[in-house]
Amino acid sequence: MTDRRIVVLAGGLTHEREVSLRSGSRVAEALRRQGHEVHVRDVGAELLPWLRTNKPDAAVITLHGGRGENGAVQSVVGMMGIPYLGTPASNCRLAWDKATAKTLIDRAGYHTPSWITLSHDTFRDLGAAGMIELVVGSLGIPLVVKPHQGGSALGVGVVRTPEQLPEVLVGAFAYGSVVIVEQYIAGTEIAVSVVDGDAGPIALPAVEIEYPGDIFDYEARYTAGLTTYYTPARLSEVSATAAAELAVAAHMTLGLRDLSRTDAIVDADGTVHFLEVNVSPGLTETSMMPMAIAEAGEDLGVLYSRLIETAIRRCK
């Protein structure tokens, strides 16, 4: 591999800015150890002039939240002719919209919790009481409510009684005008990272997540010591194989590229249920992808260097 001039895009004006900065810093240090010249740049008015002047060999996008995962930044970097590691802009949008991703995975024949999408306008216009009765009658209790776009479990809540639904909906609507309400699946939460290789996408060892409380929320994700991780996940061979197959299928079905992370739940019967997929997985000290990379015997800097070379070859 050749030493490259790499720009790592991190930060951005989203709720996940601090996480993105931590991810960007970690991958930048890993790439520097491989001999690359690495610049970490925030996304703002100074970015485009800097890119035009410095002409990096490739970009690594570690932005989290809308601007980094909905394809917007990918489109801009692509228009500038800069090779970038990760999924094409149009396919980022498929993964970013949780309802779209769930629909495509469901059509592909994989399990995902039953769900409905609900807009703030519908909830307001048709009346809270009637909508609560309809939702609970359709999906039952307990439920999970989440913004239909977003990451780091921001705005996600569990509903165990019908009376809790309005408050949890308000929390989710704070992060967007459309939410997903889905059946709550009790079980073991896992994250399965996928990396493209010469022979196609490969699932890395699943990471099992044991967290306090009802959900794997922002605090549990990014507070060191609060959550316990098991790599590889403590699954039966059958469930581990099914989880790997699901993650690879999600990667391919949604047209993802280079790397992704699928979040899933394994129920008491060993069935694996798709929750969502991430095109810009976190790389912090508590993030699951670096754990999976290490368990697979890989080095973060070496792996990203290889993927950068692949991105550069794509643009020739």
C-alpha atoms as a PDB file:
ATOM      1  CA  MET A   1       0.000   0.000   0.000  1.00  0.00           C
ATOM      2  CA  THR A   2       1.079   3.588  -0.727  1.00  0.00           C
ATOM      3  CA  ASP A   3       1.267   6.302   1.885  1.00  0.00           C
ATOM      4  CA  ARG A   4      -1.670   8.581   1.147  1.00  0.00           C
ATOM      5  CA  ARG A   5      -2.932  12.052   1.980  1.00  0.00           C
ATOM      6  CA  ILE A   6      -6.227  11.289   3.735  1.00  0.00           C
ATOM      7  CA  VAL A   7      -8.926  13.618   4.981  1.00  0.00           C
ATOM      8  CA  VAL A   8     -11.141  12.349   7.799  1.00  0.00           C
ATOM      9  CA  LEU A   9     -14.457  14.182   7.965  1.00  0.00           C
ATOM     10  CA  ALA A  10     -15.739  14.385  11.539  1.00  0.00           C
ATOM     11  CA  GLY A  11     -17.957  16.536  13.716  1.00  0.00           C
ATOM     12  CA  GLY A  12     -20.820  18.204  11.880  1.00  0.00           C
ATOM     13  CA  LEU A  13     -23.816  19.996  13.349  1.00  0.00           C
ATOM     14  CA  THR A  14     -25.834  17.031  14.603  1.00  0.00           C
ATOM     15  CA  HIS A  15     -26.782  15.577  17.972  1.00  0.00           C
ATOM     16  CA  GLU A  16     -23.973  13.040  17.454  1.00  0.00           C
ATOM     17  CA  ARG A  17     -21.204  15.582  16.887  1.00  0.00           C
ATOM     18  CA  GLU A  18     -19.077  14.578  19.889  1.00  0.00           C
ATOM     19  CA  VAL A  19     -19.288  10.887  19.006  1.00  0.00           C
ATOM     20  CA  SER A  20     -18.256  11.685  15.443  1.00  0.00           C
ATOM     21  CA  LEU A  21     -15.230  13.647  16.643  1.00  0.00           C
ATOM     22  CA  ARG A  22     -14.154  10.700  18.785  1.00  0.00           C
ATOM     23  CA  SER A  23     -14.608   8.297  15.871  1.00  0.00           C
ATOM     24  CA  GLY A  24     -12.664  10.556  13.545  1.00  0.00           C
ATOM     25  CA  SER A  25      -9.805  10.991  15.995  1.00  0.00           C
ATOM     26  CA  ARG A  26      -9.462   7.251  16.504  1.00  0.00           C
ATOM     27  CA  VAL A  27      -9.386   6.297  12.824  1.00  0.00           C
ATOM     28  CA  ALA A  28      -7.027   9.192  12.078  1.00  0.00           C
ATOM     29  CA  GLU A  29      -4.500   7.909  14.618  1.00  0.00           C
ATOM     30  CA  ALA A  30      -4.859   4.369  13.274  1.00  0.00           C
ATOM     31  CA  LEU A  31      -4.149   5.586   9.735  1.00  0.00           C
ATOM     32  CA  ARG A  32      -1.194   7.713  10.846  1.00  0.00           C
ATOM     33  CA  ARG A  33       0.353   4.601  12.365  1.00  0.00           C
ATOM     34  CA  GLN A  34       0.253   3.115   8.866  1.00  0.00           C
ATOM     35  CA  GLY A  35       2.280   6.028   7.543  1.00  0.00           C
ATOM     36  CA  HIS A  36      -0.482   8.116   5.983  1.00  0.00           C
ATOM     37  CA  GLU A  37      -0.691  11.894   6.136  1.00  0.00           C
ATOM     38  CA  VAL A  38      -4.063  12.433   7.812  1.00  0.00           C
ATOM     39  CA  HIS A  39      -6.064  15.627   8.276  1.00  0.00           C
ATOM     40  CA  VAL A  40      -9.231  15.728  10.382  1.00  0.00           C
ATOM     41  CA  ARG A  41     -11.673  18.325   9.089  1.00  0.00           C
ATOM     42  CA  ASP A  42     -15.037  19.478  10.355  1.00  0.00           C
ATOM     43  CA  VAL A  43     -17.952  20.034   7.983  1.00  0.00           C
ATOM     44  CA  GLY A  44     -18.503  23.750   7.507  1.00  0.00           C
ATOM     45  CA  ALA A  45     -17.988  26.642   5.116  1.00  0.00           C
ATOM     46  CA  GLU A  46     -14.208  26.162   5.104  1.00  0.00           C
ATOM     47  CA  LEU A  47     -14.309  22.534   3.997  1.00  0.00           C
ATOM     48  CA  LEU A  48     -14.786  22.949   0.221  1.00  0.00           C
ATOM     49  CA  PRO A  49     -11.969  25.489  -0.192  1.00  0.00           C
ATOM     50  CA  TRP A  50      -9.685  23.260   1.860  1.00  0.00           C
ATOM     51  CA  LEU A  51     -10.511  20.214  -0.282  1.00  0.00           C
ATOM     52  CA  ARG A  52      -9.902  22.147  -3.520  1.00  0.00           C
ATOM     53  CA  THR A  53      -6.561  23.466  -2.280  1.00  0.00           C
ATOM     54  CA  ASN A  54      -5.209  20.313  -0.651  1.00  0.00           C
ATOM     55  CA  LYS A  55      -6.619  17.675  -3.032  1.00  0.00           C
ATOM     56  CA  PRO A  56      -6.565  14.641  -0.704  1.00  0.00           C
ATOM     57  CA  ASP A  57      -6.124  11.198  -2.212  1.00  0.00           C
ATOM     58  CA  ALA A  58      -9.227   9.944  -0.423  1.00  0.00           C
ATOM     59  CA  ALA A  59     -11.795  10.802   2.227  1.00  0.00           C
ATOM     60  CA  VAL A  60     -12.960   8.794   5.224  1.00  0.00           C
ATOM     61  CA  ILE A  61     -16.384   9.919   6.431  1.00  0.00           C
ATOM     62  CA  THR A  62     -16.891   9.399  10.162  1.00  0.00           C
ATOM     63  CA  LEU A  63     -19.850  11.744  10.454  1.00  0.00           C
ATOM     64  CA  HIS A  64     -22.806  10.397  12.411  1.00  0.00           C
ATOM     65  CA  GLY A  65     -26.377  11.565  12.126  1.00  0.00           C
ATOM     66  CA  GLY A  66     -28.179  12.992   9.122  1.00  0.00           C
ATOM     67  CA  ARG A  67     -25.416  14.873   7.323  1.00  0.00           C
ATOM     68  CA  GLY A  68     -23.022  11.950   7.479  1.00  0.00           C
ATOM     69  CA  GLU A  69     -25.374   9.064   6.885  1.00  0.00           C
ATOM     70  CA  ASN A  70     -28.103  10.294   4.536  1.00  0.00           C
ATOM     71  CA  GLY A  71     -25.783  10.623   1.540  1.00  0.00           C
ATOM     72  CA  ALA A  72     -25.512  14.438   1.476  1.00  0.00           C
ATOM     73  CA  VAL A  73     -21.793  14.680   2.264  1.00  0.00           C
ATOM     74  CA  GLN A  74     -21.053  11.631   0.115  1.00  0.00           C
ATOM     75  CA  SER A  75     -22.682  13.424  -2.840  1.00  0.00           C
ATOM     76  CA  VAL A  76     -20.541  16.519  -2.349  1.00  0.00           C
ATOM     77  CA  VAL A  77     -17.293  14.585  -1.976  1.00  0.00           C
ATOM     78  CA  GLY A  78     -18.159  12.529  -5.044  1.00  0.00           C
ATOM     79  CA  MET A  79     -18.901  15.640  -7.132  1.00  0.00           C
ATOM     80  CA  MET A  80     -15.447  16.924  -6.258  1.00  0.00           C
ATOM     81  CA  GLY A  81     -13.925  13.754  -7.670  1.00  0.00           C
ATOM     82  CA  ILE A  82     -12.451  12.676  -4.335  1.00  0.00           C
ATOM     83  CA  PRO A  83     -12.553   8.916  -3.710  1.00  0.00           C
ATOM     84  CA  TYR A  84     -14.293   8.147  -0.450  1.00  0.00           C
ATOM     85  CA  LEU A  85     -14.604   5.081   1.696  1.00  0.00           C
ATOM     86  CA  GLY A  86     -18.174   3.919   2.159  1.00  0.00           C
ATOM     87  CA  THR A  87     -21.600   3.539   0.623  1.00  0.00           C
ATOM     88  CA  PRO A  88     -22.766   5.558  -2.428  1.00  0.00           C
ATOM     89  CA  ALA A  89     -25.019   8.494  -1.621  1.00  0.00           C
ATOM     90  CA  SER A  90     -28.231   7.015  -3.044  1.00  0.00           C
ATOM     91  CA  ASN A  91     -27.871   3.831  -1.021  1.00  0.00           C
ATOM     92  CA  CYS A  92     -27.012   5.755   2.138  1.00  0.00           C
ATOM     93  CA  ARG A  93     -30.524   7.143   1.961  1.00  0.00           C
ATOM     94  CA  LEU A  94     -32.030   3.645   1.863  1.00  0.00           C
ATOM     95  CA  ALA A  95     -30.228   2.658   5.057  1.00  0.00           C
ATOM     96  CA  TRP A  96     -30.768   5.999   6.799  1.00  0.00           C
ATOM     97  CA  ASP A  97     -34.547   5.694   6.531  1.00  0.00           C
ATOM     98  CA  LYS A  98     -35.324   2.911   8.997  1.00  0.00           C
ATOM     99  CA  ALA A  99     -38.773   2.146   7.561  1.00  0.00           C
ATOM    100  CA  THR A 100     -37.351   1.757   4.055  1.00  0.00           C
ATOM    101  CA  ALA A 101     -34.562  -0.482   5.295  1.00  0.00           C
ATOM    102  CA  LYS A 102     -36.989  -2.639   7.285  1.00  0.00           C
ATOM    103  CA  THR A 103     -39.303  -2.944   4.273  1.00  0.00           C
ATOM    104  CA  LEU A 104     -36.501  -4.108   1.984  1.00  0.00           C
ATOM    105  CA  ILE A 105     -35.165  -6.583   4.547  1.00  0.00           C
ATOM    106  CA  ASP A 106     -38.684  -7.910   5.158  1.00  0.00           C
ATOM    107  CA  ARG A 107     -39.229  -8.367   1.412  1.00  0.00           C
ATOM    108  CA  ALA A 108     -35.923 -10.234   1.210  1.00  0.00           C
ATOM    109  CA  GLY A 109     -37.384 -12.819   3.593  1.00  0.00           C
ATOM    110  CA  TYR A 110     -35.681 -11.929   6.862  1.00  0.00           C
ATOM    111  CA  HIS A 111     -37.264 -11.289  10.256  1.00  0.00           C
ATOM    112  CA  THR A 112     -37.817  -7.748  11.529  1.00  0.00           C
ATOM    113  CA  PRO A 113     -40.252  -6.636  14.255  1.00  0.00           C
ATOM    114  CA  SER A 114     -43.699  -5.682  12.946  1.00  0.00           C
ATOM    115  CA  TRP A 115     -44.024  -1.910  12.708  1.00  0.00           C
ATOM    116  CA  ILE A 116     -45.936   1.111  11.560  1.00  0.00           C
ATOM    117  CA  THR A 117     -44.763   4.592  10.677  1.00  0.00           C
ATOM    118  CA  LEU A 118     -46.583   7.473  12.313  1.00  0.00           C
ATOM    119  CA  SER A 119     -46.264  11.165  11.502  1.00  0.00           C
ATOM    120  CA  HIS A 120     -46.675  13.932  14.035  1.00  0.00           C
ATOM    121  CA  ASP A 121     -49.421  15.460  11.889  1.00  0.00           C
ATOM    122  CA  THR A 122     -51.422  12.213  11.822  1.00  0.00           C
ATOM    123  CA  PHE A 123     -51.126  11.770  15.580  1.00  0.00           C
ATOM    124  CA  ARG A 124     -52.250  15.365  16.150  1.00  0.00           C
ATOM    125  CA  ASP A 125     -54.986  15.526  13.503  1.00  0.00           C
ATOM    126  CA  LEU A 126     -56.693  12.220  14.319  1.00  0.00           C
ATOM    127  CA  GLY A 127     -56.439  12.618  18.077  1.00  0.00           C
ATOM    128  CA  ALA A 128     -54.120  11.024  20.612  1.00  0.00           C
ATOM    129  CA  ALA A 129     -56.717   8.765  22.241  1.00  0.00           C
ATOM    130  CA  GLY A 130     -57.905   7.184  19.009  1.00  0.00           C
ATOM    131  CA  MET A 131     -54.389   6.711  17.648  1.00  0.00           C
ATOM    132  CA  ILE A 132     -53.156   5.101  20.856  1.00  0.00           C
ATOM    133  CA  GLU A 133     -56.026   2.631  20.795  1.00  0.00           C
ATOM    134  CA  LEU A 134     -55.380   1.840  17.125  1.00  0.00           C
ATOM    135  CA  VAL A 135     -51.611   1.386  17.515  1.00  0.00           C
ATOM    136  CA  VAL A 136     -51.870  -0.782  20.623  1.00  0.00           C
ATOM    137  CA  GLY A 137     -54.654  -2.840  19.060  1.00  0.00           C
ATOM    138  CA  SER A 138     -52.542  -3.427  15.956  1.00  0.00           C
ATOM    139  CA  LEU A 139     -49.114  -4.129  17.466  1.00  0.00           C
ATOM    140  CA  GLY A 140     -49.827  -5.003  21.103  1.00  0.00           C
ATOM    141  CA  ILE A 141     -47.661  -4.166  24.096  1.00  0.00           C
ATOM    142  CA  PRO A 142     -44.742  -3.704  24.750  1.00  0.00           C
ATOM    143  CA  LEU A 143     -43.573  -1.420  21.951  1.00  0.00           C
ATOM    144  CA  VAL A 144     -40.464   0.446  20.884  1.00  0.00           C
ATOM    145  CA  VAL A 145     -40.778   3.968  19.497  1.00  0.00           C
ATOM    146  CA  LYS A 146     -37.910   5.525  17.533  1.00  0.00           C
ATOM    147  CA  PRO A 147     -37.350   8.354  15.051  1.00  0.00           C
ATOM    148  CA  HIS A 148     -37.522   6.944  11.535  1.00  0.00           C
ATOM    149  CA  GLN A 149     -34.166   8.588  10.834  1.00  0.00           C
ATOM    150  CA  GLY A 150     -31.377   8.932  13.366  1.00  0.00           C
ATOM    151  CA  GLY A 151     -28.698   7.132  15.298  1.00  0.00           C
ATOM    152  CA  SER A 152     -27.226   6.472  18.744  1.00  0.00           C
ATOM    153  CA  ALA A 153     -30.725   5.576  20.048  1.00  0.00           C
ATOM    154  CA  LEU A 154     -31.571   9.267  20.407  1.00  0.00           C
ATOM    155  CA  GLY A 155     -35.315   9.640  20.939  1.00  0.00           C
ATOM    156  CA  VAL A 156     -35.873   5.887  21.380  1.00  0.00           C
ATOM    157  CA  GLY A 157     -38.199   4.685  24.137  1.00  0.00           C
ATOM    158  CA  VAL A 158     -39.945   1.519  25.325  1.00  0.00           C
ATOM    159  CA  VAL A 159     -43.698   1.495  25.963  1.00  0.00           C
ATOM    160  CA  ARG A 160     -44.964  -1.083  28.465  1.00  0.00           C
ATOM    161  CA  THR A 161     -48.449   0.319  29.037  1.00  0.00           C
ATOM    162  CA  PRO A 162     -50.766   2.240  26.674  1.00  0.00           C
ATOM    163  CA  GLU A 163     -50.611   5.221  29.020  1.00  0.00           C
ATOM    164  CA  GLN A 164     -46.866   5.577  28.354  1.00  0.00           C
ATOM    165  CA  LEU A 165     -47.243   5.876  24.587  1.00  0.00           C
ATOM    166  CA  PRO A 166     -48.001   9.652  24.317  1.00  0.00           C
ATOM    167  CA  GLU A 167     -44.974  10.654  26.377  1.00  0.00           C
ATOM    168  CA  VAL A 168     -42.635   8.328  24.485  1.00  0.00           C
ATOM    169  CA  LEU A 169     -43.995   9.595  21.165  1.00  0.00           C
ATOM    170  CA  VAL A 170     -43.294  13.171  22.216  1.00  0.00           C
ATOM    171  CA  GLY A 171     -39.697  12.181  22.984  1.00  0.00           C
ATOM    172  CA  ALA A 172     -39.269  10.593  19.560  1.00  0.00           C
ATOM    173  CA  PHE A 173     -40.970  13.461  17.705  1.00  0.00           C
ATOM    174  CA  ALA A 174     -38.361  15.791  19.202  1.00  0.00           C
ATOM    175  CA  TYR A 175     -35.905  14.243  16.703  1.00  0.00           C
ATOM    176  CA  GLY A 176     -38.146  14.269  13.637  1.00  0.00           C
ATOM    177  CA  SER A 177     -41.706  14.516  12.383  1.00  0.00           C
ATOM    178  CA  VAL A 178     -42.030  10.789  11.589  1.00  0.00           C
ATOM    179  CA  VAL A 179     -41.472   7.879  13.963  1.00  0.00           C
ATOM    180  CA  ILE A 180     -41.497   4.108  13.812  1.00  0.00           C
ATOM    181  CA  VAL A 181     -43.550   2.172  16.341  1.00  0.00           C
ATOM    182  CA  GLU A 182     -42.550  -1.488  16.380  1.00  0.00           C
ATOM    183  CA  GLN A 183     -43.122  -4.589  18.467  1.00  0.00           C
ATOM    184  CA  TYR A 184     -40.675  -4.999  21.320  1.00  0.00           C
ATOM    185  CA  ILE A 185     -38.629  -8.191  20.946  1.00  0.00           C
ATOM    186  CA  ALA A 186     -37.069  -9.476  24.160  1.00  0.00           C
ATOM    187  CA  GLY A 187     -33.725 -11.158  23.719  1.00  0.00           C
ATOM    188  CA  THR A 188     -30.027 -10.656  23.176  1.00  0.00           C
ATOM    189  CA  GLU A 189     -29.006  -7.504  21.312  1.00  0.00           C
ATOM    190  CA  ILE A 190     -26.105  -7.914  18.914  1.00  0.00           C
ATOM    191  CA  ALA A 191     -24.181  -5.872  16.377  1.00  0.00           C
ATOM    192  CA  VAL A 192     -22.706  -7.548  13.310  1.00  0.00           C
ATOM    193  CA  SER A 193     -20.173  -5.602  11.259  1.00  0.00           C
ATOM    194  CA  VAL A 194     -19.620  -6.384   7.584  1.00  0.00           C
ATOM    195  CA  VAL A 195     -16.519  -5.563   5.553  1.00  0.00           C
ATOM    196  CA  ASP A 196     -16.096  -5.937   1.804  1.00  0.00           C
ATOM    197  CA  GLY A 197     -13.293  -8.265   0.760  1.00  0.00           C
ATOM    198  CA  ASP A 198     -11.958  -9.506  -2.558  1.00  0.00           C
ATOM    199  CA  ALA A 199     -14.566 -12.279  -2.615  1.00  0.00           C
ATOM    200  CA  GLY A 200     -17.451 -10.097  -1.441  1.00  0.00           C
ATOM    201  CA  PRO A 201     -18.829  -8.914   1.913  1.00  0.00           C
ATOM    202  CA  ILE A 202     -17.747 -10.807   5.032  1.00  0.00           C
ATOM    203  CA  ALA A 203     -19.414 -10.695   8.442  1.00  0.00           C
ATOM    204  CA  LEU A 204     -17.069 -10.105  11.365  1.00  0.00           C
ATOM    205  CA  PRO A 205     -17.723 -11.777  14.738  1.00  0.00           C
ATOM    206  CA  ALA A 206     -20.970 -10.589  16.317  1.00  0.00           C
ATOM    207  CA  VAL A 207     -20.722  -8.369  19.402  1.00  0.00           C
ATOM    208  CA  GLU A 208     -23.238  -9.051  22.183  1.00  0.00           C
ATOM    209  CA  ILE A 209     -24.420  -6.012  24.127  1.00  0.00           C
ATOM    210  CA  GLU A 210     -25.486  -6.286  27.779  1.00  0.00           C
ATOM    211  CA  TYR A 211     -26.723  -2.925  28.994  1.00  0.00           C
ATOM    212  CA  PRO A 212     -28.636  -1.550  31.991  1.00  0.00           C
ATOM    213  CA  GLY A 213     -32.252  -0.516  31.486  1.00  0.00           C
ATOM    214  CA  ASP A 214     -34.746  -1.172  28.708  1.00  0.00           C
ATOM    215  CA  ILE A 215     -32.774   0.126  25.750  1.00  0.00           C
ATOM    216  CA  PHE A 216     -29.209   0.515  24.565  1.00  0.00           C
ATOM    217  CA  ASP A 217     -29.435   4.290  24.863  1.00  0.00           C
ATOM    218  CA  TYR A 218     -26.931   7.094  24.262  1.00  0.00           C
ATOM    219  CA  GLU A 219     -25.517   6.974  27.778  1.00  0.00           C
ATOM    220  CA  ALA A 220     -25.114   3.192  27.701  1.00  0.00           C
ATOM    221  CA  ARG A 221     -23.388   3.391  24.301  1.00  0.00           C
ATOM    222  CA  TYR A 222     -20.806   6.012  25.091  1.00  0.00           C
ATOM    223  CA  THR A 223     -20.128   5.826  28.846  1.00  0.00           C
ATOM    224  CA  ALA A 224     -17.151   3.540  29.438  1.00  0.00           C
ATOM    225  CA  GLY A 225     -17.918   0.716  31.854  1.00  0.00           C
ATOM    226  CA  LEU A 226     -21.687   1.109  31.808  1.00  0.00           C
ATOM    227  CA  THR A 227     -22.288  -1.637  29.216  1.00  0.00           C
ATOM    228  CA  THR A 228     -20.720  -5.082  28.990  1.00  0.00           C
ATOM    229  CA  TYR A 229     -19.733  -6.427  25.563  1.00  0.00           C
ATOM    230  CA  TYR A 230     -19.043 -10.017  24.584  1.00  0.00           C
ATOM    231  CA  THR A 231     -17.039 -10.677  21.456  1.00  0.00           C
ATOM    232  CA  PRO A 232     -17.863 -13.069  19.957  1.00  0.00           C
ATOM    233  CA  ALA A 233     -21.490 -12.983  21.088  1.00  0.00           C
ATOM    234  CA  ARG A 234     -22.651 -15.857  23.282  1.00  0.00           C
ATOM    235  CA  LEU A 235     -24.914 -17.382  20.632  1.00  0.00           C
ATOM    236  CA  SER A 236     -25.569 -20.894  19.451  1.00  0.00           C
ATOM    237  CA  GLU A 237     -23.794 -21.860  16.267  1.00  0.00           C
ATOM    238  CA  VAL A 238     -27.099 -21.758  14.405  1.00  0.00           C
ATOM    239  CA  SER A 239     -27.969 -18.264  15.627  1.00  0.00           C
ATOM    240  CA  ALA A 240     -24.445 -16.969  15.023  1.00  0.00           C
ATOM    241  CA  THR A 241     -24.596 -18.220  11.446  1.00  0.00           C
ATOM    242  CA  ALA A 242     -28.052 -16.701  10.957  1.00  0.00           C
ATOM    243  CA  ALA A 243     -26.854 -13.363  12.339  1.00  0.00           C
ATOM    244  CA  ALA A 244     -23.905 -13.314   9.941  1.00  0.00           C
ATOM    245  CA  GLU A 245     -26.181 -14.198   7.018  1.00  0.00           C
ATOM    246  CA  LEU A 246     -28.620 -11.437   7.962  1.00  0.00           C
ATOM    247  CA  ALA A 247     -25.875  -8.799   8.182  1.00  0.00           C
ATOM    248  CA  VAL A 248     -24.401  -9.766   4.813  1.00  0.00           C
ATOM    249  CA  ALA A 249     -27.893  -9.852   3.288  1.00  0.00           C
ATOM    250  CA  ALA A 250     -28.646  -6.369   4.647  1.00  0.00           C
ATOM    251  CA  HIS A 251     -25.344  -5.097   3.257  1.00  0.00           C
ATOM    252  CA  MET A 252     -26.117  -6.496  -0.188  1.00  0.00           C
ATOM    253  CA  THR A 253     -29.877  -5.835  -0.271  1.00  0.00           C
ATOM    254  CA  LEU A 254     -29.409  -2.154   0.537  1.00  0.00           C
ATOM    255  CA  GLY A 255     -26.451  -1.788  -1.816  1.00  0.00           C
ATOM    256  CA  LEU A 256     -23.977  -0.866   0.914  1.00  0.00           C
ATOM    257  CA  ARG A 257     -20.260  -0.655   0.223  1.00  0.00           C
ATOM    258  CA  ASP A 258     -16.944  -1.160   2.026  1.00  0.00           C
ATOM    259  CA  LEU A 259     -18.385  -1.542   5.524  1.00  0.00           C
ATOM    260  CA  SER A 260     -21.613  -1.501   7.517  1.00  0.00           C
ATOM    261  CA  ARG A 261     -23.006  -2.594  10.870  1.00  0.00           C
ATOM    262  CA  THR A 262     -26.324  -4.358  11.351  1.00  0.00           C
ATOM    263  CA  ASP A 263     -28.078  -4.208  14.718  1.00  0.00           C
ATOM    264  CA  ALA A 264     -30.310  -7.141  15.593  1.00  0.00           C
ATOM    265  CA  ILE A 265     -32.094  -8.978  18.410  1.00  0.00           C
ATOM    266  CA  VAL A 266     -31.894 -12.727  18.969  1.00  0.00           C
ATOM    267  CA  ASP A 267     -35.034 -13.954  20.736  1.00  0.00           C
ATOM    268  CA  ALA A 268     -35.402 -16.882  23.146  1.00  0.00           C
ATOM    269  CA  ASP A 269     -35.997 -19.284  20.243  1.00  0.00           C
ATOM    270  CA  GLY A 270     -32.756 -18.226  18.554  1.00  0.00           C
ATOM    271  CA  THR A 271     -34.468 -16.280  15.768  1.00  0.00           C
ATOM    272  CA  VAL A 272     -32.538 -13.221  14.611  1.00  0.00           C
ATOM    273  CA  HIS A 273     -34.571 -10.041  14.042  1.00  0.00           C
ATOM    274  CA  PHE A 274     -33.230  -7.119  12.001  1.00  0.00           C
ATOM    275  CA  LEU A 275     -33.464  -3.717  13.724  1.00  0.00           C
ATOM    276  CA  GLU A 276     -31.467  -1.301  11.580  1.00  0.00           C
ATOM    277  CA  VAL A 277     -28.229  -0.875   9.655  1.00  0.00           C
ATOM    278  CA  ASN A 278     -25.530   1.779   9.917  1.00  0.00           C
ATOM    279  CA  VAL A 279     -23.376   2.973   6.996  1.00  0.00           C
ATOM    280  CA  SER A 280     -21.060   5.011   9.239  1.00  0.00           C
ATOM    281  CA  PRO A 281     -20.424   2.800  12.276  1.00  0.00           C
ATOM    282  CA  GLY A 282     -18.959   4.405  15.364  1.00  0.00           C
ATOM    283  CA  LEU A 283     -15.240   3.945  16.000  1.00  0.00           C
ATOM    284  CA  THR A 284     -15.011   5.151  19.590  1.00  0.00           C
ATOM    285  CA  GLU A 285     -13.531   3.167  22.468  1.00  0.00           C
ATOM    286  CA  THR A 286     -17.011   1.785  23.234  1.00  0.00           C
ATOM    287  CA  SER A 287     -18.112   1.181  19.617  1.00  0.00           C
ATOM    288  CA  MET A 288     -18.831  -2.319  18.365  1.00  0.00           C
ATOM    289  CA  MET A 289     -17.083  -2.280  14.992  1.00  0.00           C
ATOM    290  CA  PRO A 290     -13.539  -1.865  16.426  1.00  0.00           C
ATOM    291  CA  MET A 291     -14.301  -4.725  18.848  1.00  0.00           C
ATOM    292  CA  ALA A 292     -15.328  -6.953  15.948  1.00  0.00           C
ATOM    293  CA  ILE A 293     -12.281  -5.950  13.897  1.00  0.00           C
ATOM    294  CA  ALA A 294      -9.965  -6.837  16.785  1.00  0.00           C
ATOM    295  CA  GLU A 295     -11.745 -10.160  17.411  1.00  0.00           C
ATOM    296  CA  ALA A 296     -11.269 -11.033  13.738  1.00  0.00           C
ATOM    297  CA  GLY A 297      -7.522 -10.514  14.171  1.00  0.00           C
ATOM    298  CA  GLU A 298      -7.481  -7.339  12.072  1.00  0.00           C
ATOM    299  CA  ASP A 299      -5.925  -3.939  12.747  1.00  0.00           C
ATOM    300  CA  LEU A 300      -8.150  -0.885  12.322  1.00  0.00           C
ATOM    301  CA  GLY A 301      -5.517   1.095  10.436  1.00  0.00           C
ATOM    302  CA  VAL A 302      -4.570  -1.788   8.149  1.00  0.00           C
ATOM    303  CA  LEU A 303      -8.203  -2.535   7.346  1.00  0.00           C
ATOM    304  CA  TYR A 304      -9.066   1.085   6.589  1.00  0.00           C
ATOM    305  CA  SER A 305      -5.902   1.461   4.504  1.00  0.00           C
ATOM    306  CA  ARG A 306      -7.010  -1.473   2.363  1.00  0.00           C
ATOM    307  CA  LEU A 307     -10.497  -0.034   1.946  1.00  0.00           C
ATOM    308  CA  ILE A 308      -9.015   3.349   1.015  1.00  0.00           C
ATOM    309  CA  GLU A 309      -6.982   1.716  -1.754  1.00  0.00           C
ATOM    310  CA  THR A 310     -10.166   0.053  -3.004  1.00  0.00           C
ATOM    311  CA  ALA A 311     -11.926   3.437  -3.036  1.00  0.00           C
ATOM    312  CA  ILE A 312      -9.093   5.013  -4.995  1.00  0.00           C
ATOM    313  CA  ARG A 313      -9.116   2.199  -7.581  1.00  0.00           C
ATOM    314  CA  ARG A 314     -12.868   2.702  -8.060  1.00  0.00           C
ATOM    315  CA  CYS A 315     -12.239   6.252  -9.268  1.00  0.00           C
ATOM    316  CA  LYS A 316      -9.593   5.393 -11.866  1.00  0.00           C
END
